[in-house]
Amino acid sequence: MNSLTLRQLRYFDALARHAHFGRAAEACAISQPALSMQIKELEEVLGAVLIERGARQVRLTKFGEEAALRVRQILRSVDELGDLARASRDRLVGRLRIGVIPTIAPYLLPTVIGNLARVYPELDIHVRETLTPKLIQELREGRLDAAIVALPVSEPSLAEVALFSETFMLVRPSKDAGTPVPSADALCEMRLLLLEEGHCFRDQALAFCNIQSTLPRETLDASSLSTLVQMVGAGIGVTLIPEMAVPVETRSASVSVASFKSPQPSRTIGLVWRKTSPLARQLLQVSDVVLQAAKALRGE
């Protein structure tokens, strides 16, 4: 057991998560043969088989499933030890793994990353853009330090800090500019284009229109706000987008943008992290950088 290494454990953790040698090797930035060799050496050290090797994917053995859970705990403890050392310093240094949802990332992230790099030059920033459920899972597993999401996430293990609110804007074809803005009830009778299932912004838009997300809808569901706006410009329907997305997404589309009457639909954006994270104090500093970036985008 003396030859067991943290590198081997990290490789096995990647293989357990991806269930594929090629994707795991890519995630670890090594060749597939090198990863396979390290897993085989780990099995020899443990004296037990961790995976069933198939033609297209790998499957964990019973022992492998139990080992994967234990390995994940070990790696999380090792990472938290490093976080504890960094937390003892006055300034943010070293690796910062931050997640962000797709309806925020293209608009807020460039300013946030630029400001973090300027204020904390010793910070090594790693960014992960994906949907809220995946970000929450990766936070719980210790694969992210913090995430910028729409609140609330209602996860008992996570701390939440609300930063700012932003309204939803109505995007219509250019020919509709100047016409009365429909109410929420009227909007649900129109062809409303939304993001695909899994995006929290989709659920927020449906809630504003009092439309149940489980009801079938014969319309376009897109993977990005950019696609939604371009389809509106093509005359297919109308959509809602967050206020921060307006300057970027509407500059090359033949659309008009309008605000809803009060009460306007909106969302609250915040930063979340594990309550047990030693970096809690430093992450509060990060949350302030995010807030200042948001204010700069709004000209405050």
Protein backbone atom coordinates (compact mmCIF):
# COMPACT_ATOMS: atom_id res chain seq x y z
CA MET A 1 0.00 0.00 0.00
CA ASN A 2 3.03 2.28 0.33
CA SER A 3 3.15 2.96 -3.42
CA LEU A 4 -0.39 4.34 -3.61
CA THR A 5 -0.30 7.98 -4.81
CA LEU A 6 -2.68 10.93 -4.88
CA ARG A 7 -2.17 11.10 -8.64
CA GLN A 8 -3.53 7.59 -9.01
CA LEU A 9 -6.51 8.48 -6.84
CA ARG A 10 -7.28 11.55 -8.95
CA TYR A 11 -7.07 9.49 -12.13
CA PHE A 12 -9.40 6.87 -10.70
CA ASP A 13 -11.83 9.56 -9.55
CA ALA A 14 -11.90 10.99 -13.09
CA LEU A 15 -12.49 7.55 -14.56
CA ALA A 16 -15.30 6.85 -12.08
CA ARG A 17 -16.99 10.15 -12.99
CA HIS A 18 -16.62 9.88 -16.78
CA ALA A 19 -16.98 6.08 -17.13
CA HIS A 20 -14.76 6.37 -20.21
CA PHE A 21 -10.98 6.14 -20.53
CA GLY A 22 -10.74 8.70 -23.31
CA ARG A 23 -12.84 11.39 -21.58
CA ALA A 24 -11.14 10.74 -18.24
CA ALA A 25 -7.70 11.01 -19.84
CA GLU A 26 -8.70 14.28 -21.51
CA ALA A 27 -9.96 15.65 -18.19
CA CYS A 28 -6.66 14.72 -16.54
CA ALA A 29 -4.59 16.10 -19.46
CA ILE A 30 -2.73 12.80 -20.00
CA SER A 31 -2.76 10.13 -22.68
CA GLN A 32 -5.25 7.28 -22.51
CA PRO A 33 -2.51 4.58 -22.27
CA ALA A 34 -0.91 6.48 -19.37
CA LEU A 35 -4.22 6.65 -17.54
CA SER A 36 -4.89 2.97 -18.12
CA MET A 37 -1.45 2.07 -16.78
CA GLN A 38 -1.96 4.16 -13.62
CA ILE A 39 -5.35 2.53 -12.96
CA LYS A 40 -3.85 -0.93 -13.42
CA GLU A 41 -1.03 -0.08 -11.00
CA LEU A 42 -3.60 1.18 -8.48
CA GLU A 43 -5.49 -2.11 -8.75
CA GLU A 44 -2.25 -4.02 -8.17
CA VAL A 45 -1.48 -1.94 -5.09
CA LEU A 46 -4.98 -2.47 -3.69
CA GLY A 47 -5.05 -6.12 -4.65
CA ALA A 48 -8.57 -5.79 -6.09
CA VAL A 49 -10.24 -5.01 -9.41
CA LEU A 50 -11.76 -1.53 -9.61
CA ILE A 51 -13.39 -1.57 -13.04
CA GLU A 52 -14.89 -3.88 -15.62
CA ARG A 53 -13.29 -3.00 -18.92
CA GLY A 54 -15.67 -2.98 -21.89
CA ALA A 55 -15.29 -2.09 -25.56
CA ARG A 56 -16.97 1.34 -25.29
CA GLN A 57 -17.20 2.18 -21.61
CA VAL A 58 -16.02 1.09 -18.20
CA ARG A 59 -18.14 -0.05 -15.31
CA LEU A 60 -17.12 0.04 -11.67
CA THR A 61 -17.03 -3.23 -9.79
CA LYS A 62 -18.78 -3.46 -6.43
CA PHE A 63 -15.46 -2.73 -4.75
CA GLY A 64 -14.83 0.04 -7.28
CA GLU A 65 -18.10 1.77 -6.37
CA GLU A 66 -17.22 1.74 -2.67
CA ALA A 67 -13.65 2.80 -3.41
CA ALA A 68 -14.83 5.71 -5.58
CA LEU A 69 -16.85 7.16 -2.70
CA ARG A 70 -13.91 6.82 -0.30
CA VAL A 71 -11.44 8.24 -2.82
CA ARG A 72 -13.69 11.26 -3.38
CA GLN A 73 -13.71 11.92 0.37
CA ILE A 74 -9.92 11.59 0.52
CA LEU A 75 -9.39 14.00 -2.37
CA ARG A 76 -11.84 16.49 -0.89
CA SER A 77 -9.96 16.39 2.43
CA VAL A 78 -6.65 16.95 0.61
CA ASP A 79 -8.09 19.89 -1.31
CA GLU A 80 -9.54 21.38 1.87
CA LEU A 81 -6.14 21.12 3.52
CA GLY A 82 -4.74 23.24 0.72
CA ASP A 83 -7.67 25.64 1.09
CA LEU A 84 -6.97 25.89 4.80
CA ALA A 85 -3.39 26.91 4.07
CA ARG A 86 -4.53 29.53 1.58
CA ALA A 87 -7.18 30.79 4.00
CA SER A 88 -4.44 31.63 6.49
CA ARG A 89 -3.10 34.28 4.12
CA ASP A 90 -4.46 37.78 3.83
CA ARG A 91 -4.78 37.75 0.04
CA LEU A 92 -6.39 35.37 -2.40
CA VAL A 93 -3.68 33.22 -3.98
CA GLY A 94 -3.51 29.88 -5.76
CA ARG A 95 -6.32 28.06 -7.55
CA LEU A 96 -9.89 29.35 -7.56
CA ARG A 97 -12.45 27.08 -9.22
CA ILE A 98 -15.56 29.08 -9.94
CA GLY A 99 -18.73 27.97 -11.72
CA VAL A 100 -21.30 30.10 -13.51
CA ILE A 101 -24.61 29.45 -15.25
CA PRO A 102 -24.84 30.05 -19.06
CA THR A 103 -27.31 32.94 -18.81
CA ILE A 104 -24.73 34.92 -16.82
CA ALA A 105 -21.34 33.76 -18.07
CA PRO A 106 -21.01 35.61 -21.43
CA TYR A 107 -22.08 38.95 -20.02
CA LEU A 108 -20.69 39.18 -16.48
CA LEU A 109 -17.75 36.79 -16.48
CA PRO A 110 -15.27 38.78 -18.63
CA THR A 111 -15.46 41.73 -16.25
CA VAL A 112 -15.33 39.51 -13.15
CA ILE A 113 -12.29 37.57 -14.36
CA GLY A 114 -10.52 40.76 -15.45
CA ASN A 115 -11.11 42.42 -12.08
CA LEU A 116 -10.05 39.33 -10.11
CA ALA A 117 -6.83 39.07 -12.13
CA ARG A 118 -6.11 42.75 -11.53
CA VAL A 119 -6.89 42.79 -7.80
CA TYR A 120 -5.46 39.33 -7.06
CA PRO A 121 -2.60 38.74 -9.54
CA GLU A 122 -1.48 35.55 -7.75
CA LEU A 123 -4.86 33.90 -8.31
CA ASP A 124 -5.09 30.96 -10.73
CA ILE A 125 -8.69 31.11 -11.96
CA HIS A 126 -10.47 28.06 -13.37
CA VAL A 127 -13.97 28.60 -14.82
CA ARG A 128 -16.75 26.04 -15.28
CA GLU A 129 -19.89 27.04 -17.22
CA THR A 130 -22.86 24.68 -16.91
CA LEU A 131 -26.40 24.36 -15.58
CA THR A 132 -27.27 24.99 -11.93
CA PRO A 133 -27.87 21.32 -10.92
CA LYS A 134 -24.41 20.34 -12.17
CA LEU A 135 -22.78 23.29 -10.44
CA ILE A 136 -24.46 22.39 -7.15
CA GLN A 137 -23.34 18.78 -7.46
CA GLU A 138 -19.75 19.79 -8.20
CA LEU A 139 -19.78 22.19 -5.28
CA ARG A 140 -20.97 19.44 -2.94
CA GLU A 141 -18.28 17.09 -4.26
CA GLY A 142 -15.54 19.68 -3.76
CA ARG A 143 -14.77 20.09 -7.46
CA LEU A 144 -15.72 23.79 -7.37
CA ASP A 145 -14.95 26.45 -4.77
CA ALA A 146 -17.90 28.72 -5.56
CA ALA A 147 -20.55 29.39 -8.19
CA ILE A 148 -22.45 32.38 -9.55
CA VAL A 149 -26.10 31.32 -9.87
CA ALA A 150 -29.67 32.52 -9.57
CA LEU A 151 -30.93 32.30 -5.99
CA PRO A 152 -32.24 30.61 -4.05
CA VAL A 153 -30.62 27.20 -4.55
CA SER A 154 -32.02 25.87 -1.25
CA GLU A 155 -29.14 23.48 -0.65
CA PRO A 156 -28.54 22.99 3.12
CA SER A 157 -24.81 22.40 2.70
CA LEU A 158 -24.24 25.66 0.80
CA ALA A 159 -23.94 29.27 1.93
CA GLU A 160 -25.69 31.85 -0.24
CA VAL A 161 -24.87 35.55 -0.61
CA ALA A 162 -27.33 37.61 -2.66
CA LEU A 163 -25.50 40.21 -4.77
CA PHE A 164 -27.91 41.96 -7.13
CA SER A 165 -31.25 41.66 -8.90
CA GLU A 166 -31.97 42.14 -12.59
CA THR A 167 -35.20 42.38 -14.53
CA PHE A 168 -36.32 40.28 -17.49
CA MET A 169 -36.83 42.13 -20.77
CA LEU A 170 -39.31 41.34 -23.53
CA VAL A 171 -37.75 40.80 -26.95
CA ARG A 172 -40.09 41.15 -29.95
CA PRO A 173 -39.65 41.59 -33.72
CA SER A 174 -38.73 45.13 -34.76
CA LYS A 175 -42.19 45.72 -36.27
CA ASP A 176 -43.70 45.45 -32.78
CA ALA A 177 -41.66 48.35 -31.39
CA GLY A 178 -43.92 50.89 -29.76
CA THR A 179 -46.93 48.58 -29.45
CA PRO A 180 -48.33 47.94 -25.95
CA VAL A 181 -46.32 45.51 -23.84
CA PRO A 182 -48.40 42.38 -23.19
CA SER A 183 -49.31 41.34 -19.68
CA ALA A 184 -48.14 38.03 -18.26
CA ASP A 185 -51.54 36.50 -19.07
CA ALA A 186 -51.43 37.77 -22.65
CA LEU A 187 -47.85 36.60 -23.06
CA CYS A 188 -48.76 32.98 -22.38
CA GLU A 189 -51.14 33.13 -25.39
CA MET A 190 -48.27 34.17 -27.67
CA ARG A 191 -45.58 31.98 -29.19
CA LEU A 192 -43.07 32.23 -26.35
CA LEU A 193 -39.59 30.96 -27.16
CA LEU A 194 -37.65 29.57 -24.19
CA LEU A 195 -34.42 27.90 -23.23
CA GLU A 196 -34.46 24.11 -23.15
CA GLU A 197 -35.21 22.03 -20.06
CA GLY A 198 -32.64 22.33 -17.27
CA HIS A 199 -32.06 26.09 -17.45
CA CYS A 200 -33.29 27.88 -14.34
CA PHE A 201 -34.06 30.95 -16.48
CA ARG A 202 -36.63 28.86 -18.38
CA ASP A 203 -38.40 28.01 -15.13
CA GLN A 204 -38.36 31.65 -14.04
CA ALA A 205 -39.89 32.78 -17.34
CA LEU A 206 -42.59 30.11 -17.14
CA ALA A 207 -43.38 31.13 -13.57
CA PHE A 208 -43.88 34.75 -14.63
CA CYS A 209 -46.33 33.64 -17.31
CA ASN A 210 -48.08 31.21 -14.94
CA ILE A 211 -47.28 28.33 -17.31
CA GLN A 212 -46.63 24.91 -15.81
CA SER A 213 -43.28 23.54 -16.98
CA THR A 214 -44.79 20.06 -17.32
CA LEU A 215 -47.31 21.12 -19.96
CA PRO A 216 -46.42 20.23 -23.59
CA ARG A 217 -45.38 23.22 -25.70
CA GLU A 218 -45.17 23.14 -29.50
CA THR A 219 -42.49 25.77 -30.02
CA LEU A 220 -38.75 26.26 -30.13
CA ASP A 221 -36.62 25.43 -27.09
CA ALA A 222 -33.05 26.66 -27.57
CA SER A 223 -29.76 26.04 -25.82
CA SER A 224 -28.71 29.70 -25.75
CA LEU A 225 -30.17 33.19 -25.42
CA SER A 226 -28.43 34.13 -28.67
CA THR A 227 -30.46 31.55 -30.60
CA LEU A 228 -33.69 32.74 -29.00
CA VAL A 229 -33.07 36.37 -29.97
CA GLN A 230 -32.11 35.49 -33.54
CA MET A 231 -35.30 33.43 -33.93
CA VAL A 232 -37.35 36.36 -32.66
CA GLY A 233 -35.62 38.49 -35.27
CA ALA A 234 -36.74 35.96 -37.88
CA GLY A 235 -40.35 36.52 -36.80
CA ILE A 236 -40.92 33.16 -35.13
CA GLY A 237 -42.13 34.46 -31.75
CA VAL A 238 -41.15 36.47 -28.68
CA THR A 239 -38.86 35.74 -25.77
CA LEU A 240 -37.57 36.98 -22.42
CA ILE A 241 -33.92 37.61 -21.67
CA PRO A 242 -32.12 38.98 -18.58
CA GLU A 243 -31.31 42.66 -18.65
CA MET A 244 -27.52 42.10 -18.68
CA ALA A 245 -27.82 40.10 -21.91
CA VAL A 246 -29.55 42.85 -23.90
CA PRO A 247 -26.49 44.80 -25.18
CA VAL A 248 -24.74 41.63 -26.40
CA GLU A 249 -27.62 39.60 -27.80
CA THR A 250 -29.66 42.30 -29.55
CA ARG A 251 -26.92 44.24 -31.32
CA SER A 252 -27.05 42.08 -34.49
CA ALA A 253 -30.72 41.09 -34.48
CA SER A 254 -33.76 42.81 -35.95
CA VAL A 255 -35.65 42.99 -32.67
CA SER A 256 -37.14 45.49 -30.25
CA VAL A 257 -36.73 45.40 -26.49
CA ALA A 258 -39.31 46.52 -23.93
CA SER A 259 -39.77 46.52 -20.18
CA PHE A 260 -42.79 44.97 -18.49
CA LYS A 261 -45.07 47.00 -16.28
CA SER A 262 -44.76 46.62 -12.53
CA PRO A 263 -44.37 44.13 -11.00
CA GLN A 264 -41.56 43.32 -13.38
CA PRO A 265 -40.21 39.78 -13.61
CA SER A 266 -36.71 39.52 -12.16
CA ARG A 267 -34.14 37.22 -10.65
CA THR A 268 -31.60 37.51 -7.85
CA ILE A 269 -27.99 36.63 -8.62
CA GLY A 270 -25.62 35.50 -5.91
CA LEU A 271 -22.52 33.53 -5.00
CA VAL A 272 -22.74 30.13 -3.29
CA TRP A 273 -20.12 27.91 -1.67
CA ARG A 274 -19.85 25.07 0.82
CA LYS A 275 -20.52 26.10 4.39
CA THR A 276 -17.51 24.00 5.46
CA SER A 277 -15.11 25.71 3.04
CA PRO A 278 -12.04 27.22 4.75
CA LEU A 279 -12.10 29.89 2.04
CA ALA A 280 -15.38 31.46 3.20
CA ARG A 281 -13.73 34.78 4.14
CA GLN A 282 -11.89 34.99 0.82
CA LEU A 283 -15.02 34.07 -1.12
CA LEU A 284 -16.79 37.04 0.43
CA GLN A 285 -14.07 39.14 -1.21
CA VAL A 286 -14.85 37.41 -4.52
CA SER A 287 -18.55 38.18 -4.07
CA ASP A 288 -17.71 41.87 -3.76
CA VAL A 289 -15.76 41.72 -7.04
CA VAL A 290 -18.79 40.12 -8.72
CA LEU A 291 -21.05 42.84 -7.34
CA GLN A 292 -18.77 45.62 -8.56
CA ALA A 293 -18.62 44.02 -12.02
CA ALA A 294 -22.42 43.94 -12.16
CA LYS A 295 -22.61 47.60 -11.17
CA ALA A 296 -20.10 48.51 -13.87
CA LEU A 297 -22.18 46.73 -16.53
CA ARG A 298 -25.22 48.74 -15.45
CA GLY A 299 -23.28 52.00 -15.40
CA GLU A 300 -23.61 52.49 -11.64
